[in-house]
Amino acid sequence: MSQIRFGGDKWELGLDELLTVREWAPTIVSRVSLFNTRTGEIDRQTRFPRLVVADGDLAFLKVLGNDLFNEADILAVIPRTLDRQRLEDIGARLSQLEQWYAHEPERNGILPLPPAGIAINSLKRVQ
């Protein structure tokens, strides 16, 4: 995971560093917060997240629709075995983002080739 790098204007971290958890107690500093997609609440008071890992299509759609995550990089893990309507919902939502985001083909050379059956789509905010 250290080979996957995320960064901004003045920082760059590996995925392993971003996902470090020290403790789960709310009084102890942790780099991970959990967002409950059912309630729409985060488990602890934090600054705006810089990286969101969305597990599944419904979580991805809810994260995209939440202003709390406007400035975050979003990593979505979506199985390709979903029923057709749910896959079309994801495609429709991604097509709505095309006015603000562009495909980032140069990113493909940085990441290793995915295994068969896995696809990677990298989008970058248009300035």
Foldseek 3Di string as FASTA:
>chain_A
DQLDWDDDDPDIGGPVVQQAADDPDQVDDGSDWDQDLVVRDIPYDDQQDAEAEAEELSSVVSLVVDPSNPNHHYHYDYAPPDDPVSVVVSVVVVVVCVVFKDWDVVVVVSDDDDDPRDDDTDIDGDD
